[in-house]
Amino acid sequence: MGPNRLLTSAKLRMPASESVAVRQWGISFIVERETAQNAD
């Protein structure tokens, strides 16, 4: 529970940078998945 609480407090402290990082990770994840499917 400790690490989860740390993550939550960090998100509350810096929501802008956190959301940007999550969005960038999600986009790269989707792009890699699409590329892998197209490669098949």
N, C-alpha and C. Protein backbone atom coordinates (compact mmCIF):
# COMPACT_ATOMS: atom_id res chain seq x y z
N MET A 1 0.84 -1.21 0.00
CA MET A 1 0.00 0.00 0.00
C MET A 1 0.87 1.25 0.00
N GLY A 2 2.09 1.15 0.54
CA GLY A 2 2.98 2.32 0.59
C GLY A 2 3.23 2.92 -0.79
N PRO A 3 3.75 2.11 -1.72
CA PRO A 3 4.06 2.65 -3.07
C PRO A 3 2.84 3.22 -3.76
N ASN A 4 1.69 2.58 -3.59
CA ASN A 4 0.47 3.08 -4.23
C ASN A 4 0.13 4.46 -3.70
N ARG A 5 0.26 4.64 -2.38
CA ARG A 5 -0.05 5.95 -1.79
C ARG A 5 0.93 6.98 -2.30
N LEU A 6 2.19 6.59 -2.47
CA LEU A 6 3.19 7.52 -3.01
C LEU A 6 2.80 7.93 -4.41
N LEU A 7 2.40 6.96 -5.22
CA LEU A 7 2.01 7.28 -6.60
C LEU A 7 0.81 8.22 -6.61
N THR A 8 -0.17 7.95 -5.76
CA THR A 8 -1.37 8.79 -5.73
C THR A 8 -1.01 10.21 -5.32
N SER A 9 -0.20 10.36 -4.29
CA SER A 9 0.16 11.71 -3.84
C SER A 9 0.97 12.42 -4.92
N ALA A 10 1.81 11.69 -5.63
CA ALA A 10 2.59 12.31 -6.71
C ALA A 10 1.67 12.80 -7.81
N LYS A 11 0.66 11.99 -8.15
CA LYS A 11 -0.29 12.40 -9.19
C LYS A 11 -1.05 13.64 -8.76
N LEU A 12 -1.43 13.69 -7.48
CA LEU A 12 -2.16 14.85 -7.00
C LEU A 12 -1.25 16.08 -7.00
N ARG A 13 0.03 15.87 -6.73
CA ARG A 13 0.96 16.99 -6.63
C ARG A 13 1.27 17.55 -8.02
N MET A 14 1.50 16.66 -9.01
CA MET A 14 1.83 17.14 -10.35
C MET A 14 0.91 16.47 -11.37
N PRO A 15 -0.33 16.88 -11.46
CA PRO A 15 -1.26 16.23 -12.39
C PRO A 15 -0.90 16.49 -13.85
N ALA A 16 -0.38 17.68 -14.15
CA ALA A 16 -0.09 18.03 -15.55
C ALA A 16 1.00 17.12 -16.11
N SER A 17 2.16 17.11 -15.45
CA SER A 17 3.28 16.31 -15.97
C SER A 17 2.93 14.83 -15.94
N GLU A 18 2.18 14.41 -14.93
CA GLU A 18 1.81 13.00 -14.83
C GLU A 18 0.92 12.61 -16.01
N SER A 19 -0.09 13.41 -16.31
CA SER A 19 -1.00 13.07 -17.40
C SER A 19 -0.25 13.10 -18.73
N VAL A 20 0.68 14.03 -18.88
CA VAL A 20 1.45 14.10 -20.14
C VAL A 20 2.27 12.83 -20.30
N ALA A 21 2.93 12.39 -19.24
CA ALA A 21 3.75 11.18 -19.32
C ALA A 21 2.87 9.97 -19.63
N VAL A 22 1.72 9.89 -18.97
CA VAL A 22 0.81 8.75 -19.21
C VAL A 22 0.33 8.78 -20.65
N ARG A 23 0.00 9.98 -21.14
CA ARG A 23 -0.51 10.08 -22.52
C ARG A 23 0.58 9.66 -23.50
N GLN A 24 1.80 10.12 -23.29
CA GLN A 24 2.89 9.76 -24.21
C GLN A 24 3.12 8.26 -24.17
N TRP A 25 3.09 7.66 -22.96
CA TRP A 25 3.31 6.22 -22.87
C TRP A 25 2.18 5.47 -23.57
N GLY A 26 0.95 5.92 -23.37
CA GLY A 26 -0.19 5.25 -24.00
C GLY A 26 -0.10 5.33 -25.52
N ILE A 27 0.29 6.49 -26.04
CA ILE A 27 0.39 6.65 -27.50
C ILE A 27 1.47 5.72 -28.05
N SER A 28 2.63 5.71 -27.40
CA SER A 28 3.71 4.85 -27.89
C SER A 28 3.30 3.39 -27.80
N PHE A 29 2.57 3.03 -26.74
CA PHE A 29 2.13 1.64 -26.58
C PHE A 29 1.18 1.27 -27.72
N ILE A 30 0.23 2.16 -28.02
CA ILE A 30 -0.74 1.88 -29.10
C ILE A 30 -0.01 1.80 -30.44
N VAL A 31 0.91 2.71 -30.68
CA VAL A 31 1.63 2.72 -31.96
C VAL A 31 2.42 1.42 -32.12
N GLU A 32 3.10 0.99 -31.05
CA GLU A 32 3.88 -0.26 -31.15
C GLU A 32 2.95 -1.44 -31.40
N ARG A 33 1.80 -1.45 -30.74
CA ARG A 33 0.87 -2.56 -30.94
C ARG A 33 0.34 -2.57 -32.37
N GLU A 34 0.00 -1.40 -32.88
CA GLU A 34 -0.49 -1.32 -34.26
C GLU A 34 0.60 -1.79 -35.23
N THR A 35 1.84 -1.35 -34.99
CA THR A 35 2.93 -1.74 -35.88
C THR A 35 3.13 -3.25 -35.85
N ALA A 36 3.04 -3.83 -34.66
CA ALA A 36 3.23 -5.28 -34.55
C ALA A 36 2.11 -6.00 -35.31
N GLN A 37 0.87 -5.52 -35.19
CA GLN A 37 -0.24 -6.17 -35.90
C GLN A 37 -0.05 -6.03 -37.41
N ASN A 38 0.40 -4.86 -37.87
CA ASN A 38 0.59 -4.67 -39.31
C ASN A 38 1.73 -5.54 -39.81
N ALA A 39 2.75 -5.77 -38.99
CA ALA A 39 3.88 -6.60 -39.40
C ALA A 39 3.41 -8.03 -39.67
N ASP A 40 2.44 -8.49 -38.87
CA ASP A 40 1.91 -9.84 -39.11
C ASP A 40 1.25 -9.89 -40.49
